[in-house]
C-alpha cells in the first residue's frame, strides 16, 4: 500500500548563512551590501556538498545577499532555481549599523539604554512572536512545496533560533550567547504529513567556523558576535 499524504515524510532544512565580510564589525541586520567572505563561500560550498546526496526539490532564501549567496551552491547542486521568501529575512534591530562589542559599542551611550529595558519582547527589535509567525509560514510553505521530499531554507541566526524554540516549546527570550545556530548550520524539521515529528541540528562546516563564533563560545573583545546575523 502506498504511503498516504498524512503519513509521508517531508524534511525541511533551515540553514544559517555563511560568514559575512564585515571588517568594521557592525551589526549589519537588514542593511544591503553585506556579502559572504571567502570563508563564507567555502562554508556554503561545504554544505552544498553535504546536501548533494539528499532528495532536495525546493531551495529558498532570505532576500539579503548573504543568504542568497549561501543558498546558490545548494540550488545549483540539485539543478534547481533559487526562490526568495521575504519571511526568511533577518530580524529588525534598532542597533543595525552600529557596533555591539564588549565595552566599545552602542551600549556605552546612555541614549541607547532605553532600547534594552525589555528582553522579553524584545524592546530593541522585531517582537519574537512576529518572527515565529513569519518563520512558521515560510516553513509550512516549504513543506508543501517539497511534499515527500526535502527542502532547504536559508535564513539568519535569530529567526532560526526563535523558530526552533517555538517548535520545541521553549521560552522565546534567551541569552544570545547560548543559541545553537552556528554559521552554515542546519536546523532540520521532519514532518509526517503536516505534523513536525522531530527537530535535528548539524554543523557540516564546523571545522571552518572561527572558534569564537561557535555556539556557546565566550565573546572576545574586538571579535564580538553579530547576534542574530
Protein backbone atom coordinates (compact mmCIF):
# COMPACT_ATOMS: atom_id res chain seq x y z
CA UNK A 1 0.00 0.00 0.00
CA UNK A 2 1.38 3.43 -0.93
CA UNK A 3 2.06 5.91 1.82
CA UNK A 4 -0.82 8.35 2.33
CA UNK A 5 -0.40 12.11 2.47
CA UNK A 6 -0.91 12.00 6.24
CA UNK A 7 1.96 9.58 6.67
CA UNK A 8 4.52 10.75 4.09
CA UNK A 9 7.74 12.23 5.41
CA UNK A 10 8.98 15.67 4.37
CA UNK A 11 12.27 17.10 5.59
CA UNK A 12 12.92 20.85 5.75
CA UNK A 13 16.47 22.05 6.49
CA UNK A 14 16.69 25.64 7.74
CA UNK A 15 20.24 26.81 7.16
CA UNK A 16 22.04 29.83 8.57
CA UNK A 17 24.16 31.71 6.02
CA UNK A 18 27.95 31.54 5.98
CA UNK A 19 30.47 34.06 7.31
CA UNK A 20 30.00 37.63 6.11
CA UNK A 21 32.65 40.15 5.05
CA UNK A 22 32.29 42.69 7.86
CA UNK A 23 35.63 44.41 8.54
CA UNK A 24 34.12 47.15 10.74
CA UNK A 25 32.28 44.67 12.97
CA UNK A 26 28.87 46.31 12.80
CA UNK A 27 25.53 44.64 13.42
CA UNK A 28 24.53 44.62 9.76
CA UNK A 29 20.95 43.41 10.27
CA UNK A 30 18.89 44.09 7.15
CA UNK A 31 21.37 46.51 5.59
CA UNK A 32 22.14 45.80 1.92
CA UNK A 33 25.62 45.22 0.60
CA UNK A 34 26.88 42.62 3.08
CA UNK A 35 28.19 39.64 1.12
CA UNK A 36 29.82 36.36 2.09
CA UNK A 37 33.52 36.42 2.80
CA UNK A 38 35.78 33.97 1.03
CA UNK A 39 35.48 31.72 4.09
CA UNK A 40 31.70 32.11 3.95
CA UNK A 41 31.69 30.90 0.35
CA UNK A 42 33.68 27.85 1.38
CA UNK A 43 31.10 27.19 4.09
CA UNK A 44 28.29 27.42 1.54
CA UNK A 45 30.09 25.02 -0.79
CA UNK A 46 30.69 22.59 2.07
CA UNK A 47 27.01 22.46 2.97
CA UNK A 48 26.06 22.08 -0.70
CA UNK A 49 28.35 19.04 -0.85
CA UNK A 50 26.83 17.70 2.36
CA UNK A 51 23.31 18.00 0.96
CA UNK A 52 24.14 16.82 -2.57
CA UNK A 53 23.02 13.19 -1.96
CA UNK A 54 19.74 14.32 -0.40
CA UNK A 55 16.39 14.41 -2.17
CA UNK A 56 16.16 18.21 -2.23
CA UNK A 57 13.44 19.55 -4.54
CA UNK A 58 13.00 23.12 -3.25
CA UNK A 59 15.56 25.77 -2.22
CA UNK A 60 14.57 29.22 -0.97
CA UNK A 61 16.41 32.05 0.77
CA UNK A 62 16.04 35.36 2.54
CA UNK A 63 16.36 38.30 0.12
CA UNK A 64 19.58 39.52 1.78
CA UNK A 65 22.76 38.97 -0.23
CA UNK A 66 24.49 36.73 2.29
CA UNK A 67 21.55 34.32 2.32
CA UNK A 68 21.18 34.31 -1.45
CA UNK A 69 24.90 33.60 -1.89
CA UNK A 70 24.76 30.78 0.66
CA UNK A 71 21.76 29.14 -1.00
CA UNK A 72 23.06 29.37 -4.58
CA UNK A 73 25.51 26.40 -4.41
CA UNK A 74 22.80 24.24 -2.80
CA UNK A 75 20.29 25.04 -5.55
CA UNK A 76 22.93 24.53 -8.26
CA UNK A 77 23.93 21.13 -6.85
CA UNK A 78 20.34 19.93 -7.37
CA UNK A 79 19.68 21.70 -10.66
CA UNK A 80 17.04 23.93 -9.08
CA UNK A 81 16.09 27.56 -9.42
CA UNK A 82 16.54 29.55 -6.21
CA UNK A 83 13.36 31.06 -4.78
CA UNK A 84 13.21 34.07 -2.44
CA UNK A 85 10.90 34.41 0.56
CA UNK A 86 10.89 37.73 2.45
CA UNK A 87 9.61 35.92 5.54
CA UNK A 88 13.09 34.45 5.99
CA UNK A 89 14.74 37.86 6.40
CA UNK A 90 16.82 38.92 9.40
CA UNK A 91 15.01 40.35 12.43
CA UNK A 92 14.69 44.11 12.69
CA UNK A 93 17.08 45.67 15.20
CA UNK A 94 17.47 49.30 16.34
CA UNK A 95 21.22 48.75 16.66
CA UNK A 96 21.55 47.96 12.95
CA UNK A 97 24.63 49.65 11.51
CA UNK A 98 26.25 50.08 14.94
CA UNK A 99 28.98 48.13 16.70
CA UNK A 100 27.85 45.99 19.61
CA UNK A 101 31.05 44.77 21.23
CA UNK A 102 32.14 44.42 24.85
CA UNK A 103 32.54 47.90 26.34
CA UNK A 104 33.15 49.56 22.98
CA UNK A 105 29.78 49.53 21.26
CA UNK A 106 26.36 51.15 21.21
CA UNK A 107 25.57 50.33 24.86
CA UNK A 108 28.19 52.80 26.07
CA UNK A 109 25.77 55.57 25.08
CA UNK A 110 23.03 56.26 27.66
CA UNK A 111 20.64 57.27 24.86
CA UNK A 112 20.56 53.63 23.76
CA UNK A 113 19.75 52.15 27.16
CA UNK A 114 16.02 52.63 26.62
CA UNK A 115 16.19 50.01 23.88
CA UNK A 116 17.30 47.22 26.23
CA UNK A 117 14.73 47.58 29.01
CA UNK A 118 12.58 44.62 27.93
CA UNK A 119 14.39 41.43 26.88
CA UNK A 120 11.12 39.52 26.77
CA UNK A 121 9.59 41.29 23.74
CA UNK A 122 12.41 42.37 22.90
CA UNK A 123 12.46 46.17 23.14
CA UNK A 124 15.38 46.55 20.70
CA UNK A 125 13.78 44.97 17.66
CA UNK A 126 11.17 42.81 15.98
CA UNK A 127 8.93 41.03 18.51
CA UNK A 128 9.72 37.35 18.91
CA UNK A 129 6.10 36.42 18.29
CA UNK A 130 6.19 38.18 14.91
CA UNK A 131 9.29 36.20 13.98
CA UNK A 132 7.50 32.98 14.91
CA UNK A 133 4.54 33.82 12.67
CA UNK A 134 6.59 34.59 9.57
CA UNK A 135 9.10 31.77 10.02
CA UNK A 136 6.36 29.19 10.63
CA UNK A 137 4.68 30.47 7.48
CA UNK A 138 7.88 30.02 5.46
CA UNK A 139 8.43 26.57 6.97
CA UNK A 140 4.89 25.47 6.11
CA UNK A 141 5.19 26.75 2.54
CA UNK A 142 8.44 24.84 2.08
CA UNK A 143 6.86 21.68 3.47
CA UNK A 144 4.04 21.96 0.97
CA UNK A 145 6.39 22.69 -1.94
CA UNK A 146 8.55 19.66 -1.14
CA UNK A 147 5.92 17.12 -0.05
CA UNK A 148 7.53 13.70 0.28
CA UNK A 149 10.98 15.15 -0.44
CA UNK A 150 13.34 17.70 1.14
CA UNK A 151 13.63 21.49 1.13
CA UNK A 152 16.39 23.91 2.12
CA UNK A 153 15.62 27.37 3.54
CA UNK A 154 18.47 29.85 4.12
CA UNK A 155 17.83 32.43 6.82
CA UNK A 156 19.55 34.13 9.77
CA UNK A 157 20.54 33.15 13.29
CA UNK A 158 17.89 34.85 15.42
CA UNK A 159 14.81 33.92 13.33
CA UNK A 160 16.04 30.33 13.06
CA UNK A 161 16.62 30.05 16.80
CA UNK A 162 13.22 31.59 17.59
CA UNK A 163 11.55 29.15 15.18
CA UNK A 164 13.27 26.18 16.81
CA UNK A 165 12.50 27.45 20.31
CA UNK A 166 8.82 27.77 19.43
CA UNK A 167 8.63 24.29 17.90
CA UNK A 168 10.44 22.77 20.87
CA UNK A 169 8.17 24.70 23.27
CA UNK A 170 10.89 26.72 24.94
CA UNK A 171 10.53 30.33 26.04
CA UNK A 172 11.38 32.77 23.26
CA UNK A 173 13.50 35.17 25.30
CA UNK A 174 17.03 33.85 25.81
CA UNK A 175 20.74 34.56 26.16
CA UNK A 176 22.04 35.23 22.61
CA UNK A 177 25.38 33.65 23.52
CA UNK A 178 23.68 30.29 24.00
CA UNK A 179 21.93 29.97 20.65
CA UNK A 180 22.72 26.67 18.95
CA UNK A 181 22.85 28.09 15.45
CA UNK A 182 26.41 28.32 14.19
CA UNK A 183 27.34 29.77 10.80
CA UNK A 184 26.27 27.45 7.93
CA UNK A 185 24.48 25.12 10.35
CA UNK A 186 21.35 23.13 9.55
CA UNK A 187 18.31 23.03 11.83
CA UNK A 188 16.21 20.23 10.38
CA UNK A 189 12.46 19.76 10.81
CA UNK A 190 10.97 16.41 9.84
CA UNK A 191 7.24 16.30 9.09
CA UNK A 192 4.96 13.30 8.99
CA UNK A 193 2.12 14.69 6.94
CA UNK A 194 1.53 18.17 8.33
CA UNK A 195 2.94 17.43 11.80
CA UNK A 196 6.50 18.06 12.94
CA UNK A 197 7.79 14.82 14.46
CA UNK A 198 11.45 15.69 15.07
CA UNK A 199 13.97 18.52 15.10
CA UNK A 200 17.65 17.94 14.40
CA UNK A 201 20.78 20.08 14.29
CA UNK A 202 24.04 19.59 12.38
CA UNK A 203 27.13 21.67 11.58
CA UNK A 204 28.55 20.42 8.26
CA UNK A 205 31.08 23.27 8.12
CA UNK A 206 32.04 23.31 11.80
CA UNK A 207 35.76 22.96 11.10
CA UNK A 208 35.63 26.16 9.04
CA UNK A 209 33.93 28.27 11.72
CA UNK A 210 36.24 30.56 13.75
CA UNK A 211 36.29 29.26 17.37
CA UNK A 212 34.87 32.49 18.85
CA UNK A 213 31.79 32.14 16.63
CA UNK A 214 30.89 28.60 17.62
CA UNK A 215 27.74 28.08 19.68
CA UNK A 216 28.45 28.69 23.36
CA UNK A 217 31.85 30.33 22.78
CA UNK A 218 32.78 33.21 25.07
CA UNK A 219 32.88 36.64 23.36
CA UNK A 220 36.33 38.10 22.71
CA UNK A 221 36.89 41.84 22.75
CA UNK A 222 37.26 43.07 19.20
CA UNK A 223 35.66 39.89 17.87
CA UNK A 224 32.09 40.32 19.07
CA UNK A 225 29.42 38.11 17.62
CA UNK A 226 26.91 39.73 15.27
CA UNK A 227 23.94 38.47 17.25
CA UNK A 228 21.05 37.48 15.04
CA UNK A 229 23.19 37.69 11.92
